[in-house]
Amino acid sequence: MRIEYLGHACFRVAGDAGKALVFDPYEPGCFGGALTYAEPGVSADVVFLSHDHADHGASGQISGSPKVVGEAGCGEHDGVSWVGVETCHDASGGAERGSNVIFNVTMDGVRLCHLGDLGHPLEAGQCASIGGVDVLFAPVGGHFTIDAGTAVEVARQLDPGILVPMHFKTDKVGFPIAPLDDFTAVSPWPVEDMGRAAEFAAGELPEATAVWIMEPSR
């Protein structure tokens, strides 16, 4: 399996059987030019959208006529299965920024959980609905999402093998969010720099949580 970090909250995951997923594709230049990552320029079989904001819900940026999934609930498509759990984009029950769907997707025996723009710690029932997690994609930048400290709390709730931080400040992000260093400074787990992409097999995931830092490729 290969994970490529395209930028912001967008990842492409290519499975061993040739299937590909994309999580939360962005629209380049959205929000008045606040997001300046280049076009994703990738194809996929399934695209998952945590919510419909332009920096997360631009399914039209992905080629290959993928199946687009943006609602809570369970589903399956061509050997890829998932559960979508409704959460909130803020700590006010969605009153500020609306809803957010967490997707836990199983492909080639690996459970890939993307938190989207989660804005709060998880409730026990939400954790139970999400289930076991091998790879967790977690926002860490704060302001619009959980911050570094809450990301640690949520990761402890879900206990993944790998935690991949996302949604942090870079020179291509004009939003008032925190840089990645704010998360690595408080991470209680070992941190490894993986570059722009990481490849692994299901049996190679660590038993205890490790943090994989990835560099945006766009």
C-alpha atoms as a PDB file:
ATOM      1  CA  MET A   1       0.000   0.000   0.000  1.00  0.00           C
ATOM      2  CA  ARG A   2       1.180   3.510  -0.835  1.00  0.00           C
ATOM      3  CA  ILE A   3       0.042   6.743   0.812  1.00  0.00           C
ATOM      4  CA  GLU A   4       0.811  10.051  -0.869  1.00  0.00           C
ATOM      5  CA  TYR A   5       0.130  13.354   0.876  1.00  0.00           C
ATOM      6  CA  LEU A   6      -1.083  15.821  -1.755  1.00  0.00           C
ATOM      7  CA  GLY A   7      -1.573  18.712   0.666  1.00  0.00           C
ATOM      8  CA  HIS A   8      -3.860  20.172   3.352  1.00  0.00           C
ATOM      9  CA  ALA A   9      -6.174  17.223   4.221  1.00  0.00           C
ATOM     10  CA  CYS A  10      -5.896  15.393   0.904  1.00  0.00           C
ATOM     11  CA  PHE A  11      -4.307  11.952   0.573  1.00  0.00           C
ATOM     12  CA  ARG A  12      -4.244   9.370  -2.192  1.00  0.00           C
ATOM     13  CA  VAL A  13      -3.972   5.752  -1.077  1.00  0.00           C
ATOM     14  CA  ALA A  14      -3.098   3.106  -3.657  1.00  0.00           C
ATOM     15  CA  GLY A  15      -3.821  -0.477  -2.664  1.00  0.00           C
ATOM     16  CA  ASP A  16      -2.008  -3.680  -3.509  1.00  0.00           C
ATOM     17  CA  ALA A  17      -4.835  -4.827  -5.806  1.00  0.00           C
ATOM     18  CA  GLY A  18      -4.715  -1.686  -7.960  1.00  0.00           C
ATOM     19  CA  LYS A  19      -7.560   0.232  -6.335  1.00  0.00           C
ATOM     20  CA  ALA A  20      -7.028   3.852  -5.270  1.00  0.00           C
ATOM     21  CA  LEU A  21      -8.780   6.139  -2.780  1.00  0.00           C
ATOM     22  CA  VAL A  22      -8.628   9.890  -2.306  1.00  0.00           C
ATOM     23  CA  PHE A  23      -9.633  11.663   0.890  1.00  0.00           C
ATOM     24  CA  ASP A  24     -10.805  15.300   0.984  1.00  0.00           C
ATOM     25  CA  PRO A  25      -9.591  16.754  -2.338  1.00  0.00           C
ATOM     26  CA  TYR A  26      -9.206  20.541  -2.355  1.00  0.00           C
ATOM     27  CA  GLU A  27      -9.890  23.225  -4.934  1.00  0.00           C
ATOM     28  CA  PRO A  28      -6.646  25.100  -5.714  1.00  0.00           C
ATOM     29  CA  GLY A  29      -6.957  28.819  -5.007  1.00  0.00           C
ATOM     30  CA  CYS A  30     -10.115  28.455  -2.938  1.00  0.00           C
ATOM     31  CA  PHE A  31     -11.177  30.932  -0.278  1.00  0.00           C
ATOM     32  CA  GLY A  32      -9.782  33.890  -2.175  1.00  0.00           C
ATOM     33  CA  GLY A  33      -6.422  32.264  -2.793  1.00  0.00           C
ATOM     34  CA  ALA A  34      -5.871  31.126   0.794  1.00  0.00           C
ATOM     35  CA  LEU A  35      -4.964  27.625  -0.404  1.00  0.00           C
ATOM     36  CA  THR A  36      -2.313  27.563  -3.136  1.00  0.00           C
ATOM     37  CA  TYR A  37      -1.444  23.887  -3.463  1.00  0.00           C
ATOM     38  CA  ALA A  38      -1.342  22.824  -7.123  1.00  0.00           C
ATOM     39  CA  GLU A  39      -4.105  20.714  -8.639  1.00  0.00           C
ATOM     40  CA  PRO A  40      -4.196  17.181  -7.169  1.00  0.00           C
ATOM     41  CA  GLY A  41      -3.848  15.707 -10.683  1.00  0.00           C
ATOM     42  CA  VAL A  42      -4.656  12.138  -9.651  1.00  0.00           C
ATOM     43  CA  SER A  43      -7.284   9.488 -10.358  1.00  0.00           C
ATOM     44  CA  ALA A  44      -9.175   7.270  -7.926  1.00  0.00           C
ATOM     45  CA  ASP A  45     -11.809   4.567  -7.694  1.00  0.00           C
ATOM     46  CA  VAL A  46     -13.446   6.066  -4.594  1.00  0.00           C
ATOM     47  CA  VAL A  47     -13.335   9.624  -3.219  1.00  0.00           C
ATOM     48  CA  PHE A  48     -14.324  10.383   0.376  1.00  0.00           C
ATOM     49  CA  LEU A  49     -15.480  13.872   1.375  1.00  0.00           C
ATOM     50  CA  SER A  50     -15.717  14.757   5.063  1.00  0.00           C
ATOM     51  CA  HIS A  51     -17.783  17.876   4.245  1.00  0.00           C
ATOM     52  CA  ASP A  52     -18.543  20.167   1.340  1.00  0.00           C
ATOM     53  CA  HIS A  53     -16.173  23.097   1.956  1.00  0.00           C
ATOM     54  CA  ALA A  54     -13.989  23.890  -1.048  1.00  0.00           C
ATOM     55  CA  ASP A  55     -10.759  22.852   0.683  1.00  0.00           C
ATOM     56  CA  HIS A  56     -12.174  19.372   1.399  1.00  0.00           C
ATOM     57  CA  GLY A  57     -15.029  18.644  -0.984  1.00  0.00           C
ATOM     58  CA  ALA A  58     -13.662  19.236  -4.496  1.00  0.00           C
ATOM     59  CA  SER A  59     -14.401  15.803  -5.939  1.00  0.00           C
ATOM     60  CA  GLY A  60     -14.312  17.258  -9.463  1.00  0.00           C
ATOM     61  CA  GLN A  61     -10.545  17.605  -9.126  1.00  0.00           C
ATOM     62  CA  ILE A  62     -10.160  13.801  -9.195  1.00  0.00           C
ATOM     63  CA  SER A  63     -10.210  11.909 -12.505  1.00  0.00           C
ATOM     64  CA  GLY A  64     -11.212   8.332 -13.246  1.00  0.00           C
ATOM     65  CA  SER A  65     -14.997   8.651 -12.724  1.00  0.00           C
ATOM     66  CA  PRO A  66     -14.722   7.652  -9.046  1.00  0.00           C
ATOM     67  CA  LYS A  67     -17.564   6.779  -6.722  1.00  0.00           C
ATOM     68  CA  VAL A  68     -17.992   9.809  -4.431  1.00  0.00           C
ATOM     69  CA  VAL A  69     -18.959   9.225  -0.807  1.00  0.00           C
ATOM     70  CA  GLY A  70     -19.844  12.151   1.432  1.00  0.00           C
ATOM     71  CA  GLU A  71     -22.460  10.900   3.875  1.00  0.00           C
ATOM     72  CA  ALA A  72     -22.436   8.981   7.134  1.00  0.00           C
ATOM     73  CA  GLY A  73     -23.260   5.282   7.035  1.00  0.00           C
ATOM     74  CA  CYS A  74     -21.769   2.018   5.831  1.00  0.00           C
ATOM     75  CA  GLY A  75     -20.950   1.053   2.276  1.00  0.00           C
ATOM     76  CA  GLU A  76     -18.869  -1.074  -0.083  1.00  0.00           C
ATOM     77  CA  HIS A  77     -17.589  -0.574  -3.592  1.00  0.00           C
ATOM     78  CA  ASP A  78     -15.489  -3.013  -5.567  1.00  0.00           C
ATOM     79  CA  GLY A  79     -13.741  -4.534  -2.560  1.00  0.00           C
ATOM     80  CA  VAL A  80     -13.426  -1.301  -0.578  1.00  0.00           C
ATOM     81  CA  SER A  81     -15.662  -0.996   2.497  1.00  0.00           C
ATOM     82  CA  TRP A  82     -16.246   1.884   4.875  1.00  0.00           C
ATOM     83  CA  VAL A  83     -18.157   3.325   7.777  1.00  0.00           C
ATOM     84  CA  GLY A  84     -18.884   7.044   7.950  1.00  0.00           C
ATOM     85  CA  VAL A  85     -19.557   8.529  11.386  1.00  0.00           C
ATOM     86  CA  GLU A  86     -21.169  11.943  11.743  1.00  0.00           C
ATOM     87  CA  THR A  87     -19.331  14.423  13.950  1.00  0.00           C
ATOM     88  CA  CYS A  88     -19.069  18.231  14.097  1.00  0.00           C
ATOM     89  CA  HIS A  89     -16.745  20.753  12.461  1.00  0.00           C
ATOM     90  CA  ASP A  90     -16.588  22.721  15.728  1.00  0.00           C
ATOM     91  CA  ALA A  91     -16.939  22.326  19.475  1.00  0.00           C
ATOM     92  CA  SER A  92     -20.431  23.878  19.460  1.00  0.00           C
ATOM     93  CA  GLY A  93     -22.437  20.968  18.087  1.00  0.00           C
ATOM     94  CA  GLY A  94     -22.045  22.187  14.523  1.00  0.00           C
ATOM     95  CA  ALA A  95     -23.520  25.640  15.206  1.00  0.00           C
ATOM     96  CA  GLU A  96     -20.402  27.404  13.916  1.00  0.00           C
ATOM     97  CA  ARG A  97     -19.239  25.328  10.940  1.00  0.00           C
ATOM     98  CA  GLY A  98     -21.682  22.473  10.463  1.00  0.00           C
ATOM     99  CA  SER A  99     -21.172  18.737  10.356  1.00  0.00           C
ATOM    100  CA  ASN A 100     -18.170  16.579   9.530  1.00  0.00           C
ATOM    101  CA  VAL A 101     -18.032  12.896   8.598  1.00  0.00           C
ATOM    102  CA  ILE A 102     -15.185  10.665   9.782  1.00  0.00           C
ATOM    103  CA  PHE A 103     -14.536   7.790   7.382  1.00  0.00           C
ATOM    104  CA  ASN A 104     -12.909   4.539   8.456  1.00  0.00           C
ATOM    105  CA  VAL A 105     -12.135   2.741   5.197  1.00  0.00           C
ATOM    106  CA  THR A 106     -10.885  -0.824   4.827  1.00  0.00           C
ATOM    107  CA  MET A 107      -8.798  -1.701   1.777  1.00  0.00           C
ATOM    108  CA  ASP A 108      -6.470  -4.682   1.442  1.00  0.00           C
ATOM    109  CA  GLY A 109      -7.023  -5.447   5.129  1.00  0.00           C
ATOM    110  CA  VAL A 110      -5.819  -2.001   6.303  1.00  0.00           C
ATOM    111  CA  ARG A 111      -8.187   0.321   8.163  1.00  0.00           C
ATOM    112  CA  LEU A 112      -7.627   3.931   7.116  1.00  0.00           C
ATOM    113  CA  CYS A 113      -9.418   6.525   9.247  1.00  0.00           C
ATOM    114  CA  HIS A 114      -9.642  10.139   8.035  1.00  0.00           C
ATOM    115  CA  LEU A 115     -10.932  12.617  10.616  1.00  0.00           C
ATOM    116  CA  GLY A 116     -11.719  15.400   8.138  1.00  0.00           C
ATOM    117  CA  ASP A 117     -12.241  18.729   9.905  1.00  0.00           C
ATOM    118  CA  LEU A 118     -13.104  17.235  13.280  1.00  0.00           C
ATOM    119  CA  GLY A 119     -13.663  20.024  15.804  1.00  0.00           C
ATOM    120  CA  HIS A 120     -13.970  18.182  19.143  1.00  0.00           C
ATOM    121  CA  PRO A 121     -12.882  15.093  21.114  1.00  0.00           C
ATOM    122  CA  LEU A 122     -14.864  11.988  20.303  1.00  0.00           C
ATOM    123  CA  GLU A 123     -17.710  10.586  22.347  1.00  0.00           C
ATOM    124  CA  ALA A 124     -17.577   6.938  23.415  1.00  0.00           C
ATOM    125  CA  GLY A 125     -20.347   6.010  20.964  1.00  0.00           C
ATOM    126  CA  GLN A 126     -18.522   7.663  18.079  1.00  0.00           C
ATOM    127  CA  CYS A 127     -15.338   5.739  18.905  1.00  0.00           C
ATOM    128  CA  ALA A 128     -17.315   2.492  18.993  1.00  0.00           C
ATOM    129  CA  SER A 129     -18.889   3.253  15.612  1.00  0.00           C
ATOM    130  CA  ILE A 130     -15.508   4.058  14.055  1.00  0.00           C
ATOM    131  CA  GLY A 131     -13.982   0.829  15.332  1.00  0.00           C
ATOM    132  CA  GLY A 132     -10.367  -0.283  15.054  1.00  0.00           C
ATOM    133  CA  VAL A 133      -7.904   1.961  13.218  1.00  0.00           C
ATOM    134  CA  ASP A 134      -4.562   1.123  11.619  1.00  0.00           C
ATOM    135  CA  VAL A 135      -3.736   4.481   9.984  1.00  0.00           C
ATOM    136  CA  LEU A 136      -5.221   7.705  11.345  1.00  0.00           C
ATOM    137  CA  PHE A 137      -5.173  10.964   9.366  1.00  0.00           C
ATOM    138  CA  ALA A 138      -5.678  13.700  11.970  1.00  0.00           C
ATOM    139  CA  PRO A 139      -5.942  17.499  11.709  1.00  0.00           C
ATOM    140  CA  VAL A 140      -3.571  19.276  14.081  1.00  0.00           C
ATOM    141  CA  GLY A 141      -3.660  22.970  13.128  1.00  0.00           C
ATOM    142  CA  GLY A 142      -6.472  24.178  15.373  1.00  0.00           C
ATOM    143  CA  HIS A 143      -8.773  27.188  14.802  1.00  0.00           C
ATOM    144  CA  PHE A 144     -11.059  25.379  12.316  1.00  0.00           C
ATOM    145  CA  THR A 145     -10.318  21.895  13.710  1.00  0.00           C
ATOM    146  CA  ILE A 146      -8.910  20.202  16.768  1.00  0.00           C
ATOM    147  CA  ASP A 147      -5.486  21.481  17.754  1.00  0.00           C
ATOM    148  CA  ALA A 148      -2.293  19.577  18.549  1.00  0.00           C
ATOM    149  CA  GLY A 149      -3.246  18.701  22.122  1.00  0.00           C
ATOM    150  CA  THR A 150      -6.733  17.512  21.195  1.00  0.00           C
ATOM    151  CA  ALA A 151      -5.308  15.524  18.279  1.00  0.00           C
ATOM    152  CA  VAL A 152      -3.217  13.620  20.824  1.00  0.00           C
ATOM    153  CA  GLU A 153      -6.355  13.036  22.896  1.00  0.00           C
ATOM    154  CA  VAL A 154      -8.336  11.747  19.901  1.00  0.00           C
ATOM    155  CA  ALA A 155      -5.462   9.503  18.810  1.00  0.00           C
ATOM    156  CA  ARG A 156      -5.387   7.989  22.281  1.00  0.00           C
ATOM    157  CA  GLN A 157      -9.126   7.336  21.958  1.00  0.00           C
ATOM    158  CA  LEU A 158      -8.696   5.489  18.648  1.00  0.00           C
ATOM    159  CA  ASP A 159      -5.251   3.915  19.294  1.00  0.00           C
ATOM    160  CA  PRO A 160      -3.966   3.665  15.693  1.00  0.00           C
ATOM    161  CA  GLY A 161      -0.759   1.999  14.599  1.00  0.00           C
ATOM    162  CA  ILE A 162       0.179   5.082  12.555  1.00  0.00           C
ATOM    163  CA  LEU A 163      -0.858   8.703  13.031  1.00  0.00           C
ATOM    164  CA  VAL A 164      -0.392  11.025  10.037  1.00  0.00           C
ATOM    165  CA  PRO A 165      -0.854  14.740  10.863  1.00  0.00           C
ATOM    166  CA  MET A 166      -2.651  16.972   8.350  1.00  0.00           C
ATOM    167  CA  HIS A 167      -4.386  20.362   8.061  1.00  0.00           C
ATOM    168  CA  PHE A 168      -1.491  22.454   9.353  1.00  0.00           C
ATOM    169  CA  LYS A 169       0.119  25.738   8.305  1.00  0.00           C
ATOM    170  CA  THR A 170       2.562  25.747   5.384  1.00  0.00           C
ATOM    171  CA  ASP A 171       3.704  28.442   2.959  1.00  0.00           C
ATOM    172  CA  LYS A 172       0.788  27.378   0.721  1.00  0.00           C
ATOM    173  CA  VAL A 173      -1.873  27.799   3.401  1.00  0.00           C
ATOM    174  CA  GLY A 174      -3.134  31.267   4.267  1.00  0.00           C
ATOM    175  CA  PHE A 175      -5.522  30.112   6.988  1.00  0.00           C
ATOM    176  CA  PRO A 176      -4.784  31.118  10.618  1.00  0.00           C
ATOM    177  CA  ILE A 177      -3.816  27.606  11.707  1.00  0.00           C
ATOM    178  CA  ALA A 178      -0.764  26.302  13.544  1.00  0.00           C
ATOM    179  CA  PRO A 179       2.317  24.728  11.920  1.00  0.00           C
ATOM    180  CA  LEU A 180       3.249  21.071  12.188  1.00  0.00           C
ATOM    181  CA  ASP A 181       5.949  21.851  14.760  1.00  0.00           C
ATOM    182  CA  ASP A 182       3.252  22.617  17.323  1.00  0.00           C
ATOM    183  CA  PHE A 183       2.118  19.000  17.079  1.00  0.00           C
ATOM    184  CA  THR A 184       5.517  17.326  17.019  1.00  0.00           C
ATOM    185  CA  ALA A 185       6.455  19.341  20.119  1.00  0.00           C
ATOM    186  CA  VAL A 186       3.693  17.655  22.147  1.00  0.00           C
ATOM    187  CA  SER A 187       3.561  14.232  20.480  1.00  0.00           C
ATOM    188  CA  PRO A 188       4.068  11.472  23.058  1.00  0.00           C
ATOM    189  CA  TRP A 189       4.928   9.027  20.264  1.00  0.00           C
ATOM    190  CA  PRO A 190       8.044   8.571  18.114  1.00  0.00           C
ATOM    191  CA  VAL A 191       8.090  10.719  14.980  1.00  0.00           C
ATOM    192  CA  GLU A 192       9.450   9.574  11.618  1.00  0.00           C
ATOM    193  CA  ASP A 193       9.832  11.702   8.486  1.00  0.00           C
ATOM    194  CA  MET A 194       8.386   9.770   5.543  1.00  0.00           C
ATOM    195  CA  GLY A 195       8.829  12.361   2.785  1.00  0.00           C
ATOM    196  CA  ARG A 196       6.028  12.797   0.256  1.00  0.00           C
ATOM    197  CA  ALA A 197       4.839   9.172   0.248  1.00  0.00           C
ATOM    198  CA  ALA A 198       4.999   6.061   2.397  1.00  0.00           C
ATOM    199  CA  GLU A 199       4.784   2.421   1.351  1.00  0.00           C
ATOM    200  CA  PHE A 200       4.030  -0.485   3.663  1.00  0.00           C
ATOM    201  CA  ALA A 201       2.295  -3.846   3.947  1.00  0.00           C
ATOM    202  CA  ALA A 202      -0.517  -4.605   6.376  1.00  0.00           C
ATOM    203  CA  GLY A 203       1.679  -6.821   8.513  1.00  0.00           C
ATOM    204  CA  GLU A 204       4.358  -4.141   8.842  1.00  0.00           C
ATOM    205  CA  LEU A 205       2.358  -1.665  10.908  1.00  0.00           C
ATOM    206  CA  PRO A 206       3.676  -1.068  14.439  1.00  0.00           C
ATOM    207  CA  GLU A 207       1.789  -2.395  17.429  1.00  0.00           C
ATOM    208  CA  ALA A 208       2.232   0.865  19.356  1.00  0.00           C
ATOM    209  CA  THR A 209       1.360   4.233  17.845  1.00  0.00           C
ATOM    210  CA  ALA A 210       3.996   5.977  15.733  1.00  0.00           C
ATOM    211  CA  VAL A 211       3.750   9.345  13.964  1.00  0.00           C
ATOM    212  CA  TRP A 212       4.539   9.574  10.264  1.00  0.00           C
ATOM    213  CA  ILE A 213       5.283  13.107   9.142  1.00  0.00           C
ATOM    214  CA  MET A 214       4.560  13.589   5.455  1.00  0.00           C
ATOM    215  CA  GLU A 215       5.503  16.469   3.160  1.00  0.00           C
ATOM    216  CA  PRO A 216       2.823  17.846   0.806  1.00  0.00           C
ATOM    217  CA  SER A 217       3.636  16.818  -2.760  1.00  0.00           C
ATOM    218  CA  ARG A 218       1.662  19.596  -4.469  1.00  0.00           C
END
